[in-house]
Amino acid sequence: MKAHTLETQATITPEKALEILKEGNTRFVNNLKANRDLLAQVNDTRAGQWPFAVVLSCIDSRTSAELIFDQGLGDIFSVRIAGNFVNQDILGSMEFGCNVAGSKLVVVLGHTKCGALKGGLDAAAIEGLGMDNLNHLVGHFDPIIKNIMKDGEERNSKNTDLLERLNHHNILNAIEHIRKESSTLRKMEEEGKIKIVGANYDVETGSVVFL
């Protein structure tokens, strides 16, 4: 399988880009990786890159987008931050990927048993560790947590139902943030040039479910 070119990228619609990722995850789950020469792809992409999708995922070592979607060099832009949330720099990266480099799809990829989200639920304990920057990071999830908690519900990472509700709402929140804070991406989606979708990766099965 060869790396994408300007010509092949141009033939991919947002719907086709989504289908390519779904097919890649099916191969991954069934241990049927596509036959590709990565060194040849290094050579093929030496003059440029034409990825068809931008994937925002967590830094979790189990969630490499290239692996779980069975993609090669030059196929996707991979944006990673603990907890797969969106900030201005990430939005800028997405705008580059879609409006400058031609990608047709933005995927916000969450995952089960996310450590960053656990940190958000256990914020009080995290604060006691004295890591100011980590405290700042897990604080991003606090508004979502407060919004989804039920009366009398226990706030900690051992509450698996709350953790997975947080995971789901965190994905949706990131999508909402993209559309609200990036007029570029919002307009591209409205014009049908791109799709913005959410997905969840199961660390126990390797399967991705698109929301």
C-alpha atoms as a PDB file:
ATOM      1  CA  MET A   1       0.000   0.000   0.000  1.00  0.00           C
ATOM      2  CA  LYS A   2       1.461   3.315  -1.120  1.00  0.00           C
ATOM      3  CA  ALA A   3       1.423   6.645   0.678  1.00  0.00           C
ATOM      4  CA  HIS A   4      -1.208   9.163  -0.332  1.00  0.00           C
ATOM      5  CA  THR A   5      -0.443  11.736  -3.019  1.00  0.00           C
ATOM      6  CA  LEU A   6      -2.095  15.051  -3.811  1.00  0.00           C
ATOM      7  CA  GLU A   7      -4.119  13.238  -6.459  1.00  0.00           C
ATOM      8  CA  THR A   8      -5.344  10.412  -4.198  1.00  0.00           C
ATOM      9  CA  GLN A   9      -6.126  12.824  -1.366  1.00  0.00           C
ATOM     10  CA  ALA A  10      -8.267  14.886  -3.730  1.00  0.00           C
ATOM     11  CA  THR A  11     -10.456  11.865  -4.525  1.00  0.00           C
ATOM     12  CA  ILE A  12     -11.297  11.221  -0.856  1.00  0.00           C
ATOM     13  CA  THR A  13     -14.574  12.626   0.453  1.00  0.00           C
ATOM     14  CA  PRO A  14     -15.240  13.142   4.176  1.00  0.00           C
ATOM     15  CA  GLU A  15     -17.476  10.057   4.080  1.00  0.00           C
ATOM     16  CA  LYS A  16     -14.758   7.999   2.392  1.00  0.00           C
ATOM     17  CA  ALA A  17     -12.174   9.185   4.925  1.00  0.00           C
ATOM     18  CA  LEU A  18     -14.410   7.935   7.719  1.00  0.00           C
ATOM     19  CA  GLU A  19     -14.867   4.601   5.969  1.00  0.00           C
ATOM     20  CA  ILE A  20     -11.105   4.199   5.544  1.00  0.00           C
ATOM     21  CA  LEU A  21     -10.604   4.570   9.299  1.00  0.00           C
ATOM     22  CA  LYS A  22     -13.431   2.143  10.087  1.00  0.00           C
ATOM     23  CA  GLU A  23     -11.962  -0.439   7.719  1.00  0.00           C
ATOM     24  CA  GLY A  24      -8.514   0.083   9.239  1.00  0.00           C
ATOM     25  CA  ASN A  25      -9.786  -0.537  12.753  1.00  0.00           C
ATOM     26  CA  THR A  26     -11.515  -3.707  11.577  1.00  0.00           C
ATOM     27  CA  ARG A  27      -8.191  -4.925  10.201  1.00  0.00           C
ATOM     28  CA  PHE A  28      -6.478  -3.998  13.477  1.00  0.00           C
ATOM     29  CA  VAL A  29      -8.995  -5.885  15.615  1.00  0.00           C
ATOM     30  CA  ASN A  30      -8.659  -8.946  13.382  1.00  0.00           C
ATOM     31  CA  ASN A  31      -4.841  -8.716  13.220  1.00  0.00           C
ATOM     32  CA  LEU A  32      -4.948  -8.320   9.431  1.00  0.00           C
ATOM     33  CA  LYS A  33      -2.669  -5.346   8.856  1.00  0.00           C
ATOM     34  CA  ALA A  34      -2.477  -3.917   5.352  1.00  0.00           C
ATOM     35  CA  ASN A  35       0.678  -4.802   3.467  1.00  0.00           C
ATOM     36  CA  ARG A  36       2.770  -1.636   3.317  1.00  0.00           C
ATOM     37  CA  ASP A  37       6.480  -0.890   2.930  1.00  0.00           C
ATOM     38  CA  LEU A  38       7.124   1.861   5.468  1.00  0.00           C
ATOM     39  CA  LEU A  39      10.585   2.647   4.129  1.00  0.00           C
ATOM     40  CA  ALA A  40       9.076   3.045   0.676  1.00  0.00           C
ATOM     41  CA  GLN A  41       6.523   5.404   2.199  1.00  0.00           C
ATOM     42  CA  VAL A  42       9.386   7.432   3.685  1.00  0.00           C
ATOM     43  CA  ASN A  43      10.644   7.866   0.137  1.00  0.00           C
ATOM     44  CA  ASP A  44       7.163   8.549  -1.247  1.00  0.00           C
ATOM     45  CA  THR A  45       6.539  11.340   1.255  1.00  0.00           C
ATOM     46  CA  ARG A  46       9.950  12.997   1.125  1.00  0.00           C
ATOM     47  CA  ALA A  47       8.638  15.905  -0.940  1.00  0.00           C
ATOM     48  CA  GLY A  48       5.389  16.466   0.976  1.00  0.00           C
ATOM     49  CA  GLN A  49       2.441  15.022   2.852  1.00  0.00           C
ATOM     50  CA  TRP A  50      -1.225  14.591   1.959  1.00  0.00           C
ATOM     51  CA  PRO A  51      -3.040  13.091   4.976  1.00  0.00           C
ATOM     52  CA  PHE A  52      -6.772  12.483   4.650  1.00  0.00           C
ATOM     53  CA  ALA A  53      -7.718  12.883   8.338  1.00  0.00           C
ATOM     54  CA  VAL A  54      -6.824  14.643  11.581  1.00  0.00           C
ATOM     55  CA  VAL A  55      -7.168  12.533  14.723  1.00  0.00           C
ATOM     56  CA  LEU A  56      -7.134  14.121  18.175  1.00  0.00           C
ATOM     57  CA  SER A  57      -6.405  11.451  20.764  1.00  0.00           C
ATOM     58  CA  CYS A  58      -5.033  11.016  24.264  1.00  0.00           C
ATOM     59  CA  ILE A  59      -1.307  10.537  24.935  1.00  0.00           C
ATOM     60  CA  ASP A  60      -2.153   7.125  26.428  1.00  0.00           C
ATOM     61  CA  SER A  61       0.431   4.659  25.116  1.00  0.00           C
ATOM     62  CA  ARG A  62      -2.330   2.266  24.040  1.00  0.00           C
ATOM     63  CA  THR A  63      -4.068   4.728  21.726  1.00  0.00           C
ATOM     64  CA  SER A  64      -1.722   5.341  18.803  1.00  0.00           C
ATOM     65  CA  ALA A  65      -4.089   6.394  16.018  1.00  0.00           C
ATOM     66  CA  GLU A  66      -1.790   5.106  13.268  1.00  0.00           C
ATOM     67  CA  LEU A  67      -1.831   1.639  14.807  1.00  0.00           C
ATOM     68  CA  ILE A  68      -5.471   1.261  15.819  1.00  0.00           C
ATOM     69  CA  PHE A  69      -6.657   2.555  12.431  1.00  0.00           C
ATOM     70  CA  ASP A  70      -3.946   0.620  10.565  1.00  0.00           C
ATOM     71  CA  GLN A  71      -2.559   3.614   8.695  1.00  0.00           C
ATOM     72  CA  GLY A  72       0.894   4.325   7.322  1.00  0.00           C
ATOM     73  CA  LEU A  73       3.263   7.265   6.984  1.00  0.00           C
ATOM     74  CA  GLY A  74       1.623  10.358   5.600  1.00  0.00           C
ATOM     75  CA  ASP A  75      -1.938   9.099   6.080  1.00  0.00           C
ATOM     76  CA  ILE A  76      -3.163  11.034   9.127  1.00  0.00           C
ATOM     77  CA  PHE A  77      -2.288  14.020  11.252  1.00  0.00           C
ATOM     78  CA  SER A  78      -2.045  12.766  14.824  1.00  0.00           C
ATOM     79  CA  VAL A  79      -2.726  15.366  17.538  1.00  0.00           C
ATOM     80  CA  ARG A  80      -2.246  14.085  21.075  1.00  0.00           C
ATOM     81  CA  ILE A  81      -2.833  15.522  24.529  1.00  0.00           C
ATOM     82  CA  ALA A  82      -3.771  13.838  27.798  1.00  0.00           C
ATOM     83  CA  GLY A  83      -7.555  13.690  27.908  1.00  0.00           C
ATOM     84  CA  ASN A  84      -8.023  14.555  24.199  1.00  0.00           C
ATOM     85  CA  PHE A  85      -9.394  18.032  24.897  1.00  0.00           C
ATOM     86  CA  VAL A  86      -9.129  21.087  22.672  1.00  0.00           C
ATOM     87  CA  ASN A  87      -7.230  24.349  23.159  1.00  0.00           C
ATOM     88  CA  GLN A  88      -6.271  27.160  20.798  1.00  0.00           C
ATOM     89  CA  ASP A  89      -3.015  25.554  19.676  1.00  0.00           C
ATOM     90  CA  ILE A  90      -4.760  22.283  18.880  1.00  0.00           C
ATOM     91  CA  LEU A  91      -7.437  24.167  16.948  1.00  0.00           C
ATOM     92  CA  GLY A  92      -4.676  25.849  14.970  1.00  0.00           C
ATOM     93  CA  SER A  93      -3.166  22.467  14.211  1.00  0.00           C
ATOM     94  CA  MET A  94      -6.537  21.173  13.033  1.00  0.00           C
ATOM     95  CA  GLU A  95      -7.069  24.238  10.849  1.00  0.00           C
ATOM     96  CA  PHE A  96      -3.684  23.639   9.258  1.00  0.00           C
ATOM     97  CA  GLY A  97      -4.459  19.972   8.705  1.00  0.00           C
ATOM     98  CA  CYS A  98      -7.797  20.632   7.012  1.00  0.00           C
ATOM     99  CA  ASN A  99      -7.682  24.082   5.435  1.00  0.00           C
ATOM    100  CA  VAL A 100      -4.026  24.106   4.401  1.00  0.00           C
ATOM    101  CA  ALA A 101      -3.015  20.459   4.002  1.00  0.00           C
ATOM    102  CA  GLY A 102      -6.337  19.156   2.672  1.00  0.00           C
ATOM    103  CA  SER A 103      -7.532  16.624   5.259  1.00  0.00           C
ATOM    104  CA  LYS A 104     -11.222  15.728   4.965  1.00  0.00           C
ATOM    105  CA  LEU A 105     -12.035  14.457   8.449  1.00  0.00           C
ATOM    106  CA  VAL A 106     -11.522  15.478  12.078  1.00  0.00           C
ATOM    107  CA  VAL A 107     -11.886  12.709  14.665  1.00  0.00           C
ATOM    108  CA  VAL A 108     -11.968  13.329  18.412  1.00  0.00           C
ATOM    109  CA  LEU A 109     -10.908   9.959  19.795  1.00  0.00           C
ATOM    110  CA  GLY A 110     -11.490   9.205  23.461  1.00  0.00           C
ATOM    111  CA  HIS A 111     -10.819   5.896  25.154  1.00  0.00           C
ATOM    112  CA  THR A 112     -12.008   3.767  28.030  1.00  0.00           C
ATOM    113  CA  LYS A 113     -10.218   3.874  31.389  1.00  0.00           C
ATOM    114  CA  CYS A 114      -8.583   7.224  30.561  1.00  0.00           C
ATOM    115  CA  GLY A 115      -5.972   8.163  33.167  1.00  0.00           C
ATOM    116  CA  ALA A 116      -6.348  11.898  32.558  1.00  0.00           C
ATOM    117  CA  LEU A 117     -10.077  11.703  33.190  1.00  0.00           C
ATOM    118  CA  LYS A 118      -9.417   9.627  36.296  1.00  0.00           C
ATOM    119  CA  GLY A 119      -7.153  12.463  37.401  1.00  0.00           C
ATOM    120  CA  GLY A 120     -10.013  14.884  36.857  1.00  0.00           C
ATOM    121  CA  LEU A 121     -12.253  12.820  39.096  1.00  0.00           C
ATOM    122  CA  ASP A 122      -9.504  12.515  41.707  1.00  0.00           C
ATOM    123  CA  ALA A 123      -8.463  16.169  41.439  1.00  0.00           C
ATOM    124  CA  ALA A 124      -8.140  16.642  45.195  1.00  0.00           C
ATOM    125  CA  ALA A 125      -5.623  13.805  45.418  1.00  0.00           C
ATOM    126  CA  ILE A 126      -3.765  15.085  42.345  1.00  0.00           C
ATOM    127  CA  GLU A 127      -3.416  18.521  43.910  1.00  0.00           C
ATOM    128  CA  GLY A 128      -1.680  16.922  46.869  1.00  0.00           C
ATOM    129  CA  LEU A 129       1.119  15.723  44.595  1.00  0.00           C
ATOM    130  CA  GLY A 130       2.250  19.296  43.992  1.00  0.00           C
ATOM    131  CA  MET A 131       2.434  19.187  40.191  1.00  0.00           C
ATOM    132  CA  ASP A 132       1.058  22.563  39.140  1.00  0.00           C
ATOM    133  CA  ASN A 133       0.887  21.880  35.420  1.00  0.00           C
ATOM    134  CA  LEU A 134      -0.842  18.535  35.887  1.00  0.00           C
ATOM    135  CA  ASN A 135      -3.312  20.220  38.229  1.00  0.00           C
ATOM    136  CA  HIS A 136      -4.050  22.722  35.478  1.00  0.00           C
ATOM    137  CA  LEU A 137      -4.565  19.960  32.913  1.00  0.00           C
ATOM    138  CA  VAL A 138      -7.012  17.855  34.912  1.00  0.00           C
ATOM    139  CA  GLY A 139      -8.883  21.019  35.831  1.00  0.00           C
ATOM    140  CA  HIS A 140     -10.117  21.194  32.227  1.00  0.00           C
ATOM    141  CA  PHE A 141     -12.553  18.377  32.981  1.00  0.00           C
ATOM    142  CA  ASP A 142     -14.086  19.897  36.115  1.00  0.00           C
ATOM    143  CA  PRO A 143     -16.979  21.746  34.421  1.00  0.00           C
ATOM    144  CA  ILE A 144     -18.033  18.573  32.600  1.00  0.00           C
ATOM    145  CA  ILE A 145     -17.808  16.505  35.785  1.00  0.00           C
ATOM    146  CA  LYS A 146     -19.968  18.938  37.714  1.00  0.00           C
ATOM    147  CA  ASN A 147     -22.513  18.979  34.882  1.00  0.00           C
ATOM    148  CA  ILE A 148     -22.926  15.197  34.604  1.00  0.00           C
ATOM    149  CA  MET A 149     -22.755  14.092  38.234  1.00  0.00           C
ATOM    150  CA  LYS A 150     -25.969  12.780  39.728  1.00  0.00           C
ATOM    151  CA  ASP A 151     -27.228  13.828  43.152  1.00  0.00           C
ATOM    152  CA  GLY A 152     -25.363  11.936  45.843  1.00  0.00           C
ATOM    153  CA  GLU A 153     -22.971  10.327  43.361  1.00  0.00           C
ATOM    154  CA  GLU A 154     -19.438   9.630  44.526  1.00  0.00           C
ATOM    155  CA  ARG A 155     -16.755  11.586  42.686  1.00  0.00           C
ATOM    156  CA  ASN A 156     -13.713   9.391  42.230  1.00  0.00           C
ATOM    157  CA  SER A 157     -12.078   7.276  39.536  1.00  0.00           C
ATOM    158  CA  LYS A 158     -13.372   4.043  41.092  1.00  0.00           C
ATOM    159  CA  ASN A 159     -16.859   5.087  40.013  1.00  0.00           C
ATOM    160  CA  THR A 160     -16.597   3.399  36.613  1.00  0.00           C
ATOM    161  CA  ASP A 161     -20.034   4.523  35.451  1.00  0.00           C
ATOM    162  CA  LEU A 162     -19.148   8.156  36.083  1.00  0.00           C
ATOM    163  CA  LEU A 163     -15.740   7.709  34.437  1.00  0.00           C
ATOM    164  CA  GLU A 164     -17.239   6.399  31.207  1.00  0.00           C
ATOM    165  CA  ARG A 165     -19.980   9.050  31.189  1.00  0.00           C
ATOM    166  CA  LEU A 166     -17.212  11.609  31.559  1.00  0.00           C
ATOM    167  CA  ASN A 167     -15.330  10.007  28.678  1.00  0.00           C
ATOM    168  CA  HIS A 168     -18.399  10.226  26.425  1.00  0.00           C
ATOM    169  CA  HIS A 169     -19.243  13.819  27.358  1.00  0.00           C
ATOM    170  CA  ASN A 170     -15.606  14.887  27.080  1.00  0.00           C
ATOM    171  CA  ILE A 171     -15.579  13.743  23.449  1.00  0.00           C
ATOM    172  CA  LEU A 172     -18.809  15.621  22.715  1.00  0.00           C
ATOM    173  CA  ASN A 173     -17.502  18.689  24.526  1.00  0.00           C
ATOM    174  CA  ALA A 174     -14.362  18.713  22.379  1.00  0.00           C
ATOM    175  CA  ILE A 175     -16.455  18.523  19.201  1.00  0.00           C
ATOM    176  CA  GLU A 176     -18.651  21.378  20.410  1.00  0.00           C
ATOM    177  CA  HIS A 177     -15.536  23.387  21.256  1.00  0.00           C
ATOM    178  CA  ILE A 178     -14.098  22.839  17.760  1.00  0.00           C
ATOM    179  CA  ARG A 179     -17.266  24.074  16.076  1.00  0.00           C
ATOM    180  CA  LYS A 180     -17.666  27.011  18.434  1.00  0.00           C
ATOM    181  CA  GLU A 181     -14.084  28.246  18.590  1.00  0.00           C
ATOM    182  CA  SER A 182     -12.926  27.621  15.004  1.00  0.00           C
ATOM    183  CA  SER A 183     -14.925  29.517  12.417  1.00  0.00           C
ATOM    184  CA  THR A 184     -12.633  27.972   9.794  1.00  0.00           C
ATOM    185  CA  LEU A 185     -13.498  24.385  10.655  1.00  0.00           C
ATOM    186  CA  ARG A 186     -17.157  25.188  11.282  1.00  0.00           C
ATOM    187  CA  LYS A 187     -17.480  26.762   7.838  1.00  0.00           C
ATOM    188  CA  MET A 188     -15.659  23.866   6.168  1.00  0.00           C
ATOM    189  CA  GLU A 189     -18.046  21.417   7.816  1.00  0.00           C
ATOM    190  CA  GLU A 190     -21.094  23.476   6.841  1.00  0.00           C
ATOM    191  CA  GLU A 191     -19.864  23.496   3.236  1.00  0.00           C
ATOM    192  CA  GLY A 192     -19.372  19.716   3.267  1.00  0.00           C
ATOM    193  CA  LYS A 193     -15.616  19.934   2.845  1.00  0.00           C
ATOM    194  CA  ILE A 194     -14.925  18.073   6.101  1.00  0.00           C
ATOM    195  CA  LYS A 195     -16.679  16.021   8.767  1.00  0.00           C
ATOM    196  CA  ILE A 196     -16.091  16.419  12.505  1.00  0.00           C
ATOM    197  CA  VAL A 197     -16.900  13.236  14.421  1.00  0.00           C
ATOM    198  CA  GLY A 198     -16.315  11.588  17.779  1.00  0.00           C
ATOM    199  CA  ALA A 199     -15.168   8.065  18.525  1.00  0.00           C
ATOM    200  CA  ASN A 200     -14.293   5.895  21.502  1.00  0.00           C
ATOM    201  CA  TYR A 201     -11.504   3.310  21.675  1.00  0.00           C
ATOM    202  CA  ASP A 202     -11.899   0.303  23.955  1.00  0.00           C
ATOM    203  CA  VAL A 203      -8.527  -0.533  25.512  1.00  0.00           C
ATOM    204  CA  GLU A 204      -9.707  -4.070  26.276  1.00  0.00           C
ATOM    205  CA  THR A 205     -10.844  -5.066  22.770  1.00  0.00           C
ATOM    206  CA  GLY A 206      -9.033  -2.700  20.400  1.00  0.00           C
ATOM    207  CA  SER A 207     -12.341  -1.715  18.834  1.00  0.00           C
ATOM    208  CA  VAL A 208     -13.331   1.849  17.941  1.00  0.00           C
ATOM    209  CA  VAL A 209     -16.978   2.872  18.108  1.00  0.00           C
ATOM    210  CA  PHE A 210     -17.920   6.073  16.291  1.00  0.00           C
ATOM    211  CA  LEU A 211     -20.456   8.207  18.115  1.00  0.00           C
END
